[in-house]
């Protein structure tokens, strides 16, 4: 099986990593039109990388997406913020929930998330 992932952002890296985990024999390539991979990860959260939300109630989270609420609920039942936190923590990235509900690496550096993705992609 050959898989092409379009875009070398967080979603693209995450998709490519998960394809390889679930289909180890797959040939996976990430295609990016620029020479900047994970560039939005680098600047998100003021350079600290807001990984996810600390909220756990799917209905509460989906309220933030009024036009896509139904789709978001469906997606979040498949993979939710707790799953995201577990995914990173299983890879050695410790996370913290701030008082406003945002989740960041405890290092407060987006490079921690970038390094995790780059390590996993190898």
PDB file of N, CA and C in Angstrom:
ATOM      1  N   UNK A   1       0.840  -1.171   0.000  1.00  0.00           N
ATOM      2  CA  UNK A   1       0.000   0.000   0.000  1.00  0.00           C
ATOM      3  C   UNK A   1       0.891   1.243   0.000  1.00  0.00           C
ATOM      4  N   UNK A   2       0.519   2.209  -0.826  1.00  0.00           N
ATOM      5  CA  UNK A   2       1.222   3.484  -0.894  1.00  0.00           C
ATOM      6  C   UNK A   2       0.267   4.579  -0.445  1.00  0.00           C
ATOM      7  N   UNK A   3       0.768   5.456   0.436  1.00  0.00           N
ATOM      8  CA  UNK A   3      -0.060   6.536   0.969  1.00  0.00           C
ATOM      9  C   UNK A   3       0.687   7.858   0.824  1.00  0.00           C
ATOM     10  N   UNK A   4       0.012   8.845   0.264  1.00  0.00           N
ATOM     11  CA  UNK A   4       0.573  10.200   0.175  1.00  0.00           C
ATOM     12  C   UNK A   4      -0.238  11.088   1.114  1.00  0.00           C
ATOM     13  N   UNK A   5       0.466  11.768   1.993  1.00  0.00           N
ATOM     14  CA  UNK A   5      -0.161  12.717   2.911  1.00  0.00           C
ATOM     15  C   UNK A   5       0.173  14.105   2.392  1.00  0.00           C
ATOM     16  N   UNK A   6      -0.847  14.915   2.185  1.00  0.00           N
ATOM     17  CA  UNK A   6      -0.645  16.263   1.659  1.00  0.00           C
ATOM     18  C   UNK A   6      -0.577  17.241   2.819  1.00  0.00           C
ATOM     19  N   UNK A   7       0.583  17.854   2.982  1.00  0.00           N
ATOM     20  CA  UNK A   7       0.775  18.867   4.015  1.00  0.00           C
ATOM     21  C   UNK A   7       1.634  18.364   5.157  1.00  0.00           C
ATOM     22  N   UNK A   8       2.686  19.120   5.457  1.00  0.00           N
ATOM     23  CA  UNK A   8       3.634  18.742   6.505  1.00  0.00           C
ATOM     24  C   UNK A   8       3.417  19.557   7.775  1.00  0.00           C
ATOM     25  N   UNK A   9       2.143  19.730   8.111  1.00  0.00           N
ATOM     26  CA  UNK A   9       1.796  20.351   9.383  1.00  0.00           C
ATOM     27  C   UNK A   9       1.541  19.271  10.416  1.00  0.00           C
ATOM     28  N   UNK A  10       1.003  19.680  11.550  1.00  0.00           N
ATOM     29  CA  UNK A  10       0.743  18.727  12.629  1.00  0.00           C
ATOM     30  C   UNK A  10      -0.195  17.609  12.177  1.00  0.00           C
ATOM     31  N   UNK A  11      -1.267  17.953  11.479  1.00  0.00           N
ATOM     32  CA  UNK A  11      -2.224  16.932  11.029  1.00  0.00           C
ATOM     33  C   UNK A  11      -1.578  15.973  10.040  1.00  0.00           C
ATOM     34  N   UNK A  12      -0.762  16.492   9.138  1.00  0.00           N
ATOM     35  CA  UNK A  12      -0.087  15.642   8.174  1.00  0.00           C
ATOM     36  C   UNK A  12       0.880  14.678   8.833  1.00  0.00           C
ATOM     37  N   UNK A  13       1.673  15.194   9.751  1.00  0.00           N
ATOM     38  CA  UNK A  13       2.608  14.331  10.474  1.00  0.00           C
ATOM     39  C   UNK A  13       1.856  13.276  11.276  1.00  0.00           C
ATOM     40  N   UNK A  14       0.810  13.722  11.967  1.00  0.00           N
ATOM     41  CA  UNK A  14       0.023  12.802  12.780  1.00  0.00           C
ATOM     42  C   UNK A  14      -0.590  11.707  11.911  1.00  0.00           C
ATOM     43  N   UNK A  15      -1.126  12.081  10.774  1.00  0.00           N
ATOM     44  CA  UNK A  15      -1.723  11.103   9.859  1.00  0.00           C
ATOM     45  C   UNK A  15      -0.676  10.108   9.368  1.00  0.00           C
ATOM     46  N   UNK A  16       0.472  10.600   8.934  1.00  0.00           N
ATOM     47  CA  UNK A  16       1.531   9.723   8.419  1.00  0.00           C
ATOM     48  C   UNK A  16       2.020   8.755   9.491  1.00  0.00           C
ATOM     49  N   UNK A  17       2.209   9.259  10.688  1.00  0.00           N
ATOM     50  CA  UNK A  17       2.668   8.418  11.801  1.00  0.00           C
ATOM     51  C   UNK A  17       1.653   7.318  12.077  1.00  0.00           C
ATOM     52  N   UNK A  18       0.392   7.686  12.097  1.00  0.00           N
ATOM     53  CA  UNK A  18      -0.645   6.704  12.410  1.00  0.00           C
ATOM     54  C   UNK A  18      -0.850   5.685  11.295  1.00  0.00           C
ATOM     55  N   UNK A  19      -0.655   6.085  10.051  1.00  0.00           N
ATOM     56  CA  UNK A  19      -0.717   5.113   8.961  1.00  0.00           C
ATOM     57  C   UNK A  19       0.366   4.057   9.166  1.00  0.00           C
ATOM     58  N   UNK A  20       1.587   4.498   9.446  1.00  0.00           N
ATOM     59  CA  UNK A  20       2.696   3.553   9.626  1.00  0.00           C
ATOM     60  C   UNK A  20       2.486   2.662  10.847  1.00  0.00           C
ATOM     61  N   UNK A  21       1.906   3.217  11.915  1.00  0.00           N
ATOM     62  CA  UNK A  21       1.656   2.399  13.100  1.00  0.00           C
ATOM     63  C   UNK A  21       0.620   1.314  12.808  1.00  0.00           C
ATOM     64  N   UNK A  22      -0.390   1.651  12.031  1.00  0.00           N
ATOM     65  CA  UNK A  22      -1.468   0.713  11.754  1.00  0.00           C
ATOM     66  C   UNK A  22      -1.204  -0.189  10.550  1.00  0.00           C
ATOM     67  N   UNK A  23      -0.345   0.271   9.650  1.00  0.00           N
ATOM     68  CA  UNK A  23       0.004  -0.487   8.440  1.00  0.00           C
ATOM     69  C   UNK A  23       1.522  -0.402   8.240  1.00  0.00           C
ATOM     70  N   UNK A  24       2.274  -1.139   9.047  1.00  0.00           N
ATOM     71  CA  UNK A  24       3.736  -1.026   9.032  1.00  0.00           C
ATOM     72  C   UNK A  24       4.396  -1.222   7.668  1.00  0.00           C
ATOM     73  N   UNK A  25       3.767  -1.982   6.791  1.00  0.00           N
ATOM     74  CA  UNK A  25       4.361  -2.229   5.478  1.00  0.00           C
ATOM     75  C   UNK A  25       4.023  -1.142   4.460  1.00  0.00           C
ATOM     76  N   UNK A  26       3.184  -0.205   4.842  1.00  0.00           N
ATOM     77  CA  UNK A  26       2.784   0.866   3.920  1.00  0.00           C
ATOM     78  C   UNK A  26       3.969   1.771   3.605  1.00  0.00           C
ATOM     79  N   UNK A  27       4.003   2.238   2.392  1.00  0.00           N
ATOM     80  CA  UNK A  27       4.979   3.252   1.990  1.00  0.00           C
ATOM     81  C   UNK A  27       4.274   4.600   2.134  1.00  0.00           C
ATOM     82  N   UNK A  28       4.793   5.443   3.012  1.00  0.00           N
ATOM     83  CA  UNK A  28       4.138   6.710   3.306  1.00  0.00           C
ATOM     84  C   UNK A  28       5.073   7.861   2.958  1.00  0.00           C
ATOM     85  N   UNK A  29       4.534   8.837   2.259  1.00  0.00           N
ATOM     86  CA  UNK A  29       5.297  10.034   1.923  1.00  0.00           C
ATOM     87  C   UNK A  29       4.448  11.249   2.311  1.00  0.00           C
ATOM     88  N   UNK A  30       5.111  12.255   2.865  1.00  0.00           N
ATOM     89  CA  UNK A  30       4.447  13.517   3.179  1.00  0.00           C
ATOM     90  C   UNK A  30       4.873  14.530   2.131  1.00  0.00           C
ATOM     91  N   UNK A  31       3.895  15.151   1.483  1.00  0.00           N
ATOM     92  CA  UNK A  31       4.173  16.145   0.450  1.00  0.00           C
ATOM     93  C   UNK A  31       3.850  17.529   0.988  1.00  0.00           C
ATOM     94  N   UNK A  32       4.787  18.453   0.831  1.00  0.00           N
ATOM     95  CA  UNK A  32       4.611  19.834   1.309  1.00  0.00           C
ATOM     96  C   UNK A  32       5.071  20.775   0.210  1.00  0.00           C
ATOM     97  N   UNK A  33       4.252  21.786  -0.092  1.00  0.00           N
ATOM     98  CA  UNK A  33       4.588  22.701  -1.188  1.00  0.00           C
ATOM     99  C   UNK A  33       5.663  23.714  -0.812  1.00  0.00           C
ATOM    100  N   UNK A  34       5.907  23.914   0.476  1.00  0.00           N
ATOM    101  CA  UNK A  34       6.943  24.857   0.896  1.00  0.00           C
ATOM    102  C   UNK A  34       8.107  24.083   1.520  1.00  0.00           C
ATOM    103  N   UNK A  35       9.103  24.801   1.945  1.00  0.00           N
ATOM    104  CA  UNK A  35      10.215  24.143   2.646  1.00  0.00           C
ATOM    105  C   UNK A  35      10.048  24.273   4.162  1.00  0.00           C
ATOM    106  N   UNK A  36       8.855  24.641   4.597  1.00  0.00           N
ATOM    107  CA  UNK A  36       8.591  24.857   6.026  1.00  0.00           C
ATOM    108  C   UNK A  36       7.674  23.765   6.562  1.00  0.00           C
ATOM    109  N   UNK A  37       8.248  22.836   7.302  1.00  0.00           N
ATOM    110  CA  UNK A  37       7.438  21.804   7.919  1.00  0.00           C
ATOM    111  C   UNK A  37       7.130  22.205   9.365  1.00  0.00           C
ATOM    112  N   UNK A  38       5.939  21.887   9.796  1.00  0.00           N
ATOM    113  CA  UNK A  38       5.499  22.143  11.169  1.00  0.00           C
ATOM    114  C   UNK A  38       5.639  23.608  11.581  1.00  0.00           C
ATOM    115  N   UNK A  39       5.565  24.521  10.611  1.00  0.00           N
ATOM    116  CA  UNK A  39       5.790  25.942  10.908  1.00  0.00           C
ATOM    117  C   UNK A  39       4.701  26.538  11.798  1.00  0.00           C
ATOM    118  N   UNK A  40       3.468  26.100  11.641  1.00  0.00           N
ATOM    119  CA  UNK A  40       2.409  26.621  12.506  1.00  0.00           C
ATOM    120  C   UNK A  40       2.511  26.060  13.918  1.00  0.00           C
ATOM    121  N   UNK A  41       3.024  24.858  14.047  1.00  0.00           N
ATOM    122  CA  UNK A  41       3.259  24.288  15.376  1.00  0.00           C
ATOM    123  C   UNK A  41       4.262  25.165  16.116  1.00  0.00           C
ATOM    124  N   UNK A  42       5.275  25.598  15.401  1.00  0.00           N
ATOM    125  CA  UNK A  42       6.341  26.412  16.001  1.00  0.00           C
ATOM    126  C   UNK A  42       5.799  27.690  16.642  1.00  0.00           C
ATOM    127  N   UNK A  43       4.798  28.315  16.006  1.00  0.00           N
ATOM    128  CA  UNK A  43       4.318  29.612  16.501  1.00  0.00           C
ATOM    129  C   UNK A  43       3.026  29.523  17.308  1.00  0.00           C
ATOM    130  N   UNK A  44       2.371  28.356  17.298  1.00  0.00           N
ATOM    131  CA  UNK A  44       1.085  28.266  17.996  1.00  0.00           C
ATOM    132  C   UNK A  44       1.267  28.449  19.497  1.00  0.00           C
ATOM    133  N   UNK A  45       0.249  29.017  20.090  1.00  0.00           N
ATOM    134  CA  UNK A  45       0.292  29.236  21.536  1.00  0.00           C
ATOM    135  C   UNK A  45       1.420  30.152  21.952  1.00  0.00           C
ATOM    136  N   UNK A  46       1.755  31.112  21.088  1.00  0.00           N
ATOM    137  CA  UNK A  46       2.841  32.037  21.417  1.00  0.00           C
ATOM    138  C   UNK A  46       4.194  31.357  21.495  1.00  0.00           C
ATOM    139  N   UNK A  47       4.371  30.310  20.688  1.00  0.00           N
ATOM    140  CA  UNK A  47       5.646  29.587  20.683  1.00  0.00           C
ATOM    141  C   UNK A  47       5.698  28.461  21.703  1.00  0.00           C
ATOM    142  N   UNK A  48       4.566  28.218  22.368  1.00  0.00           N
ATOM    143  CA  UNK A  48       4.521  27.140  23.366  1.00  0.00           C
ATOM    144  C   UNK A  48       3.752  25.925  22.870  1.00  0.00           C
ATOM    145  N   UNK A  49       2.993  26.066  21.803  1.00  0.00           N
ATOM    146  CA  UNK A  49       2.197  25.020  21.161  1.00  0.00           C
ATOM    147  C   UNK A  49       1.036  24.547  22.031  1.00  0.00           C
ATOM    148  N   UNK A  50      -0.094  25.172  21.796  1.00  0.00           N
ATOM    149  CA  UNK A  50      -1.342  24.778  22.437  1.00  0.00           C
ATOM    150  C   UNK A  50      -1.768  23.451  21.811  1.00  0.00           C
ATOM    151  N   UNK A  51      -1.555  22.351  22.515  1.00  0.00           N
ATOM    152  CA  UNK A  51      -1.740  21.011  21.971  1.00  0.00           C
ATOM    153  C   UNK A  51      -3.216  20.636  21.819  1.00  0.00           C
ATOM    154  N   UNK A  52      -4.010  20.919  22.819  1.00  0.00           N
ATOM    155  CA  UNK A  52      -5.433  20.558  22.809  1.00  0.00           C
ATOM    156  C   UNK A  52      -6.126  21.334  23.908  1.00  0.00           C
ATOM    157  N   UNK A  53      -7.314  20.932  24.230  1.00  0.00           N
ATOM    158  CA  UNK A  53      -8.072  21.540  25.314  1.00  0.00           C
ATOM    159  C   UNK A  53      -8.062  20.625  26.529  1.00  0.00           C
ATOM    160  N   UNK A  54      -8.207  21.213  27.688  1.00  0.00           N
ATOM    161  CA  UNK A  54      -8.303  20.430  28.910  1.00  0.00           C
ATOM    162  C   UNK A  54      -9.719  19.942  29.161  1.00  0.00           C
ATOM    163  N   UNK A  55     -10.666  20.427  28.354  1.00  0.00           N
ATOM    164  CA  UNK A  55     -12.049  19.971  28.487  1.00  0.00           C
ATOM    165  C   UNK A  55     -12.139  18.496  28.113  1.00  0.00           C
ATOM    166  N   UNK A  56     -13.027  17.778  28.782  1.00  0.00           N
ATOM    167  CA  UNK A  56     -13.181  16.363  28.478  1.00  0.00           C
ATOM    168  C   UNK A  56     -14.588  16.015  28.015  1.00  0.00           C
ATOM    169  N   UNK A  57     -15.560  16.873  28.283  1.00  0.00           N
ATOM    170  CA  UNK A  57     -16.934  16.605  27.882  1.00  0.00           C
ATOM    171  C   UNK A  57     -17.114  16.923  26.400  1.00  0.00           C
ATOM    172  N   UNK A  58     -17.403  15.896  25.616  1.00  0.00           N
ATOM    173  CA  UNK A  58     -17.495  16.043  24.164  1.00  0.00           C
ATOM    174  C   UNK A  58     -18.588  17.030  23.760  1.00  0.00           C
ATOM    175  N   UNK A  59     -19.708  16.994  24.429  1.00  0.00           N
ATOM    176  CA  UNK A  59     -20.797  17.934  24.092  1.00  0.00           C
ATOM    177  C   UNK A  59     -20.374  19.376  24.371  1.00  0.00           C
ATOM    178  N   UNK A  60     -19.648  19.569  25.458  1.00  0.00           N
ATOM    179  CA  UNK A  60     -19.169  20.917  25.803  1.00  0.00           C
ATOM    180  C   UNK A  60     -18.158  21.414  24.761  1.00  0.00           C
ATOM    181  N   UNK A  61     -17.242  20.569  24.366  1.00  0.00           N
ATOM    182  CA  UNK A  61     -16.242  20.937  23.357  1.00  0.00           C
ATOM    183  C   UNK A  61     -16.922  21.270  22.037  1.00  0.00           C
ATOM    184  N   UNK A  62     -17.870  20.440  21.626  1.00  0.00           N
ATOM    185  CA  UNK A  62     -18.515  20.633  20.318  1.00  0.00           C
ATOM    186  C   UNK A  62     -19.307  21.929  20.241  1.00  0.00           C
ATOM    187  N   UNK A  63     -19.707  22.495  21.379  1.00  0.00           N
ATOM    188  CA  UNK A  63     -20.431  23.767  21.382  1.00  0.00           C
ATOM    189  C   UNK A  63     -19.583  24.908  20.819  1.00  0.00           C
ATOM    190  N   UNK A  64     -18.275  24.734  20.820  1.00  0.00           N
ATOM    191  CA  UNK A  64     -17.366  25.751  20.276  1.00  0.00           C
ATOM    192  C   UNK A  64     -17.383  25.768  18.754  1.00  0.00           C
ATOM    193  N   UNK A  65     -18.071  24.815  18.146  1.00  0.00           N
ATOM    194  CA  UNK A  65     -18.143  24.689  16.691  1.00  0.00           C
ATOM    195  C   UNK A  65     -19.610  24.680  16.261  1.00  0.00           C
ATOM    196  N   UNK A  66     -20.298  25.833  16.358  1.00  0.00           N
ATOM    197  CA  UNK A  66     -21.745  25.841  16.107  1.00  0.00           C
ATOM    198  C   UNK A  66     -22.152  25.330  14.729  1.00  0.00           C
ATOM    199  N   UNK A  67     -21.374  25.617  13.701  1.00  0.00           N
ATOM    200  CA  UNK A  67     -21.746  25.144  12.353  1.00  0.00           C
ATOM    201  C   UNK A  67     -21.284  23.722  12.104  1.00  0.00           C
ATOM    202  N   UNK A  68     -20.362  23.234  12.889  1.00  0.00           N
ATOM    203  CA  UNK A  68     -19.853  21.883  12.688  1.00  0.00           C
ATOM    204  C   UNK A  68     -20.006  21.024  13.920  1.00  0.00           C
ATOM    205  N   UNK A  69     -20.966  21.387  14.758  1.00  0.00           N
ATOM    206  CA  UNK A  69     -21.135  20.710  16.041  1.00  0.00           C
ATOM    207  C   UNK A  69     -21.356  19.202  15.894  1.00  0.00           C
ATOM    208  N   UNK A  70     -22.208  18.797  14.972  1.00  0.00           N
ATOM    209  CA  UNK A  70     -22.513  17.382  14.793  1.00  0.00           C
ATOM    210  C   UNK A  70     -21.274  16.619  14.323  1.00  0.00           C
ATOM    211  N   UNK A  71     -20.567  17.196  13.344  1.00  0.00           N
ATOM    212  CA  UNK A  71     -19.342  16.557  12.848  1.00  0.00           C
ATOM    213  C   UNK A  71     -18.304  16.449  13.965  1.00  0.00           C
ATOM    214  N   UNK A  72     -18.143  17.536  14.734  1.00  0.00           N
ATOM    215  CA  UNK A  72     -17.145  17.527  15.806  1.00  0.00           C
ATOM    216  C   UNK A  72     -17.465  16.468  16.855  1.00  0.00           C
ATOM    217  N   UNK A  73     -18.717  16.348  17.229  1.00  0.00           N
ATOM    218  CA  UNK A  73     -19.090  15.315  18.211  1.00  0.00           C
ATOM    219  C   UNK A  73     -18.715  13.934  17.679  1.00  0.00           C
ATOM    220  N   UNK A  74     -19.036  13.689  16.424  1.00  0.00           N
ATOM    221  CA  UNK A  74     -18.716  12.398  15.825  1.00  0.00           C
ATOM    222  C   UNK A  74     -17.204  12.153  15.829  1.00  0.00           C
ATOM    223  N   UNK A  75     -16.454  13.158  15.417  1.00  0.00           N
ATOM    224  CA  UNK A  75     -14.986  13.033  15.372  1.00  0.00           C
ATOM    225  C   UNK A  75     -14.408  12.838  16.771  1.00  0.00           C
ATOM    226  N   UNK A  76     -14.930  13.580  17.738  1.00  0.00           N
ATOM    227  CA  UNK A  76     -14.395  13.511  19.100  1.00  0.00           C
ATOM    228  C   UNK A  76     -14.707  12.178  19.777  1.00  0.00           C
ATOM    229  N   UNK A  77     -15.758  11.504  19.348  1.00  0.00           N
ATOM    230  CA  UNK A  77     -16.014  10.170  19.894  1.00  0.00           C
ATOM    231  C   UNK A  77     -14.978   9.176  19.377  1.00  0.00           C
ATOM    232  N   UNK A  78     -14.358   9.488  18.242  1.00  0.00           N
ATOM    233  CA  UNK A  78     -13.319   8.623  17.680  1.00  0.00           C
ATOM    234  C   UNK A  78     -11.947   8.898  18.293  1.00  0.00           C
ATOM    235  N   UNK A  79     -11.657  10.174  18.519  1.00  0.00           N
ATOM    236  CA  UNK A  79     -10.342  10.570  19.036  1.00  0.00           C
ATOM    237  C   UNK A  79     -10.526  11.920  19.724  1.00  0.00           C
ATOM    238  N   UNK A  80     -10.415  11.938  21.038  1.00  0.00           N
ATOM    239  CA  UNK A  80     -10.739  13.136  21.809  1.00  0.00           C
ATOM    240  C   UNK A  80      -9.501  13.736  22.482  1.00  0.00           C
ATOM    241  N   UNK A  81      -9.655  14.873  23.160  1.00  0.00           N
ATOM    242  CA  UNK A  81      -8.499  15.510  23.790  1.00  0.00           C
ATOM    243  C   UNK A  81      -7.742  14.603  24.758  1.00  0.00           C
ATOM    244  N   UNK A  82      -8.458  13.737  25.462  1.00  0.00           N
ATOM    245  CA  UNK A  82      -7.756  12.806  26.356  1.00  0.00           C
ATOM    246  C   UNK A  82      -6.870  11.865  25.540  1.00  0.00           C
ATOM    247  N   UNK A  83      -7.370  11.418  24.384  1.00  0.00           N
ATOM    248  CA  UNK A  83      -6.579  10.555  23.507  1.00  0.00           C
ATOM    249  C   UNK A  83      -5.337  11.283  22.994  1.00  0.00           C
ATOM    250  N   UNK A  84      -5.497  12.559  22.663  1.00  0.00           N
ATOM    251  CA  UNK A  84      -4.357  13.359  22.196  1.00  0.00           C
ATOM    252  C   UNK A  84      -3.300  13.443  23.282  1.00  0.00           C
ATOM    253  N   UNK A  85      -3.746  13.730  24.504  1.00  0.00           N
ATOM    254  CA  UNK A  85      -2.805  13.833  25.622  1.00  0.00           C
ATOM    255  C   UNK A  85      -2.085  12.505  25.847  1.00  0.00           C
ATOM    256  N   UNK A  86      -2.826  11.421  25.804  1.00  0.00           N
ATOM    257  CA  UNK A  86      -2.234  10.097  25.981  1.00  0.00           C
ATOM    258  C   UNK A  86      -1.225   9.806  24.877  1.00  0.00           C
ATOM    259  N   UNK A  87      -1.574  10.153  23.633  1.00  0.00           N
ATOM    260  CA  UNK A  87      -0.685   9.913  22.495  1.00  0.00           C
ATOM    261  C   UNK A  87       0.672  10.574  22.731  1.00  0.00           C
ATOM    262  N   UNK A  88       0.660  11.842  23.116  1.00  0.00           N
ATOM    263  CA  UNK A  88       1.924  12.548  23.354  1.00  0.00           C
ATOM    264  C   UNK A  88       2.643  12.020  24.591  1.00  0.00           C
ATOM    265  N   UNK A  89       1.917  11.782  25.667  1.00  0.00           N
ATOM    266  CA  UNK A  89       2.560  11.312  26.896  1.00  0.00           C
ATOM    267  C   UNK A  89       3.177   9.931  26.713  1.00  0.00           C
ATOM    268  N   UNK A  90       2.565   9.087  25.878  1.00  0.00           N
ATOM    269  CA  UNK A  90       3.155   7.776  25.575  1.00  0.00           C
ATOM    270  C   UNK A  90       4.463   7.907  24.802  1.00  0.00           C
ATOM    271  N   UNK A  91       4.698   9.068  24.257  1.00  0.00           N
ATOM    272  CA  UNK A  91       5.924   9.333  23.509  1.00  0.00           C
ATOM    273  C   UNK A  91       6.886  10.221  24.288  1.00  0.00           C
ATOM    274  N   UNK A  92       6.658  10.339  25.577  1.00  0.00           N
ATOM    275  CA  UNK A  92       7.582  11.055  26.452  1.00  0.00           C
ATOM    276  C   UNK A  92       7.360  12.551  26.572  1.00  0.00           C
ATOM    277  N   UNK A  93       6.279  13.066  26.008  1.00  0.00           N
ATOM    278  CA  UNK A  93       5.989  14.495  26.105  1.00  0.00           C
ATOM    279  C   UNK A  93       5.017  14.710  27.259  1.00  0.00           C
ATOM    280  N   UNK A  94       5.503  15.331  28.327  1.00  0.00           N
ATOM    281  CA  UNK A  94       4.614  15.618  29.441  1.00  0.00           C
ATOM    282  C   UNK A  94       3.864  16.914  29.160  1.00  0.00           C
ATOM    283  N   UNK A  95       2.584  16.903  29.511  1.00  0.00           N
ATOM    284  CA  UNK A  95       1.710  18.038  29.218  1.00  0.00           C
ATOM    285  C   UNK A  95       1.117  18.585  30.501  1.00  0.00           C
ATOM    286  N   UNK A  96       0.668  19.831  30.425  1.00  0.00           N
ATOM    287  CA  UNK A  96       0.012  20.463  31.570  1.00  0.00           C
ATOM    288  C   UNK A  96      -1.234  21.195  31.082  1.00  0.00           C
ATOM    289  N   UNK A  97      -2.242  21.234  31.953  1.00  0.00           N
ATOM    290  CA  UNK A  97      -3.466  21.971  31.660  1.00  0.00           C
ATOM    291  C   UNK A  97      -3.392  23.273  32.439  1.00  0.00           C
ATOM    292  N   UNK A  98      -3.495  24.384  31.720  1.00  0.00           N
ATOM    293  CA  UNK A  98      -3.468  25.689  32.387  1.00  0.00           C
ATOM    294  C   UNK A  98      -4.859  26.054  32.887  1.00  0.00           C
ATOM    295  N   UNK A  99      -4.943  27.067  33.713  1.00  0.00           N
ATOM    296  CA  UNK A  99      -6.203  27.446  34.355  1.00  0.00           C
ATOM    297  C   UNK A  99      -7.303  27.788  33.351  1.00  0.00           C
ATOM    298  N   UNK A 100      -6.933  28.226  32.154  1.00  0.00           N
ATOM    299  CA  UNK A 100      -7.938  28.560  31.134  1.00  0.00           C
ATOM    300  C   UNK A 100      -8.314  27.353  30.270  1.00  0.00           C
ATOM    301  N   UNK A 101      -7.776  26.189  30.606  1.00  0.00           N
ATOM    302  CA  UNK A 101      -8.128  24.966  29.902  1.00  0.00           C
ATOM    303  C   UNK A 101      -7.241  24.601  28.731  1.00  0.00           C
ATOM    304  N   UNK A 102      -6.283  25.454  28.382  1.00  0.00           N
ATOM    305  CA  UNK A 102      -5.378  25.109  27.288  1.00  0.00           C
ATOM    306  C   UNK A 102      -4.326  24.128  27.782  1.00  0.00           C
ATOM    307  N   UNK A 103      -3.886  23.246  26.877  1.00  0.00           N
ATOM    308  CA  UNK A 103      -2.898  22.222  27.218  1.00  0.00           C
ATOM    309  C   UNK A 103      -1.614  22.505  26.453  1.00  0.00           C
ATOM    310  N   UNK A 104      -0.512  22.563  27.196  1.00  0.00           N
ATOM    311  CA  UNK A 104       0.813  22.842  26.635  1.00  0.00           C
ATOM    312  C   UNK A 104       1.800  21.783  27.106  1.00  0.00           C
ATOM    313  N   UNK A 105       2.916  21.630  26.386  1.00  0.00           N
ATOM    314  CA  UNK A 105       3.983  20.778  26.932  1.00  0.00           C
ATOM    315  C   UNK A 105       4.528  21.464  28.196  1.00  0.00           C
ATOM    316  N   UNK A 106       4.935  20.675  29.168  1.00  0.00           N
ATOM    317  CA  UNK A 106       5.453  21.268  30.401  1.00  0.00           C
ATOM    318  C   UNK A 106       6.722  22.077  30.147  1.00  0.00           C
ATOM    319  N   UNK A 107       7.392  21.810  29.056  1.00  0.00           N
ATOM    320  CA  UNK A 107       8.590  22.578  28.694  1.00  0.00           C
ATOM    321  C   UNK A 107       8.250  24.009  28.285  1.00  0.00           C
ATOM    322  N   UNK A 108       6.961  24.256  27.956  1.00  0.00           N
ATOM    323  CA  UNK A 108       6.519  25.552  27.424  1.00  0.00           C
ATOM    324  C   UNK A 108       7.204  25.900  26.111  1.00  0.00           C
ATOM    325  N   UNK A 109       7.622  24.888  25.370  1.00  0.00           N
ATOM    326  CA  UNK A 109       8.306  25.110  24.092  1.00  0.00           C
ATOM    327  C   UNK A 109       7.658  24.272  23.004  1.00  0.00           C
ATOM    328  N   UNK A 110       7.274  24.938  21.922  1.00  0.00           N
ATOM    329  CA  UNK A 110       6.696  24.210  20.792  1.00  0.00           C
ATOM    330  C   UNK A 110       7.702  23.229  20.191  1.00  0.00           C
ATOM    331  N   UNK A 111       8.969  23.492  20.366  1.00  0.00           N
ATOM    332  CA  UNK A 111       9.998  22.605  19.834  1.00  0.00           C
ATOM    333  C   UNK A 111       9.859  21.195  20.405  1.00  0.00           C
ATOM    334  N   UNK A 112       9.329  21.075  21.608  1.00  0.00           N
ATOM    335  CA  UNK A 112       9.103  19.762  22.218  1.00  0.00           C
ATOM    336  C   UNK A 112       8.144  18.942  21.363  1.00  0.00           C
ATOM    337  N   UNK A 113       7.092  19.576  20.858  1.00  0.00           N
ATOM    338  CA  UNK A 113       6.112  18.894  20.016  1.00  0.00           C
ATOM    339  C   UNK A 113       6.718  18.586  18.649  1.00  0.00           C
ATOM    340  N   UNK A 114       7.446  19.542  18.114  1.00  0.00           N
ATOM    341  CA  UNK A 114       8.120  19.335  16.823  1.00  0.00           C
ATOM    342  C   UNK A 114       9.095  18.165  16.917  1.00  0.00           C
ATOM    343  N   UNK A 115       9.893  18.153  17.972  1.00  0.00           N
ATOM    344  CA  UNK A 115      10.859  17.061  18.157  1.00  0.00           C
ATOM    345  C   UNK A 115      10.158  15.711  18.272  1.00  0.00           C
ATOM    346  N   UNK A 116       9.013  15.679  18.945  1.00  0.00           N
ATOM    347  CA  UNK A 116       8.243  14.438  19.060  1.00  0.00           C
ATOM    348  C   UNK A 116       7.812  13.959  17.686  1.00  0.00           C
ATOM    349  N   UNK A 117       7.230  14.855  16.883  1.00  0.00           N
ATOM    350  CA  UNK A 117       6.797  14.464  15.539  1.00  0.00           C
ATOM    351  C   UNK A 117       7.974  13.985  14.691  1.00  0.00           C
ATOM    352  N   UNK A 118       9.082  14.714  14.740  1.00  0.00           N
ATOM    353  CA  UNK A 118      10.241  14.340  13.927  1.00  0.00           C
ATOM    354  C   UNK A 118      10.820  12.996  14.361  1.00  0.00           C
ATOM    355  N   UNK A 119      10.827  12.767  15.655  1.00  0.00           N
ATOM    356  CA  UNK A 119      11.327  11.483  16.177  1.00  0.00           C
ATOM    357  C   UNK A 119      10.415  10.338  15.726  1.00  0.00           C
ATOM    358  N   UNK A 120       9.120  10.545  15.801  1.00  0.00           N
ATOM    359  CA  UNK A 120       8.157   9.517  15.426  1.00  0.00           C
ATOM    360  C   UNK A 120       8.185   9.226  13.930  1.00  0.00           C
ATOM    361  N   UNK A 121       8.423  10.245  13.128  1.00  0.00           N
ATOM    362  CA  UNK A 121       8.377  10.063  11.677  1.00  0.00           C
ATOM    363  C   UNK A 121       9.549   9.205  11.191  1.00  0.00           C
ATOM    364  N   UNK A 122      10.619   9.166  11.968  1.00  0.00           N
ATOM    365  CA  UNK A 122      11.769   8.353  11.585  1.00  0.00           C
ATOM    366  C   UNK A 122      11.414   6.892  11.719  1.00  0.00           C
TER     367      UNK A 122
END
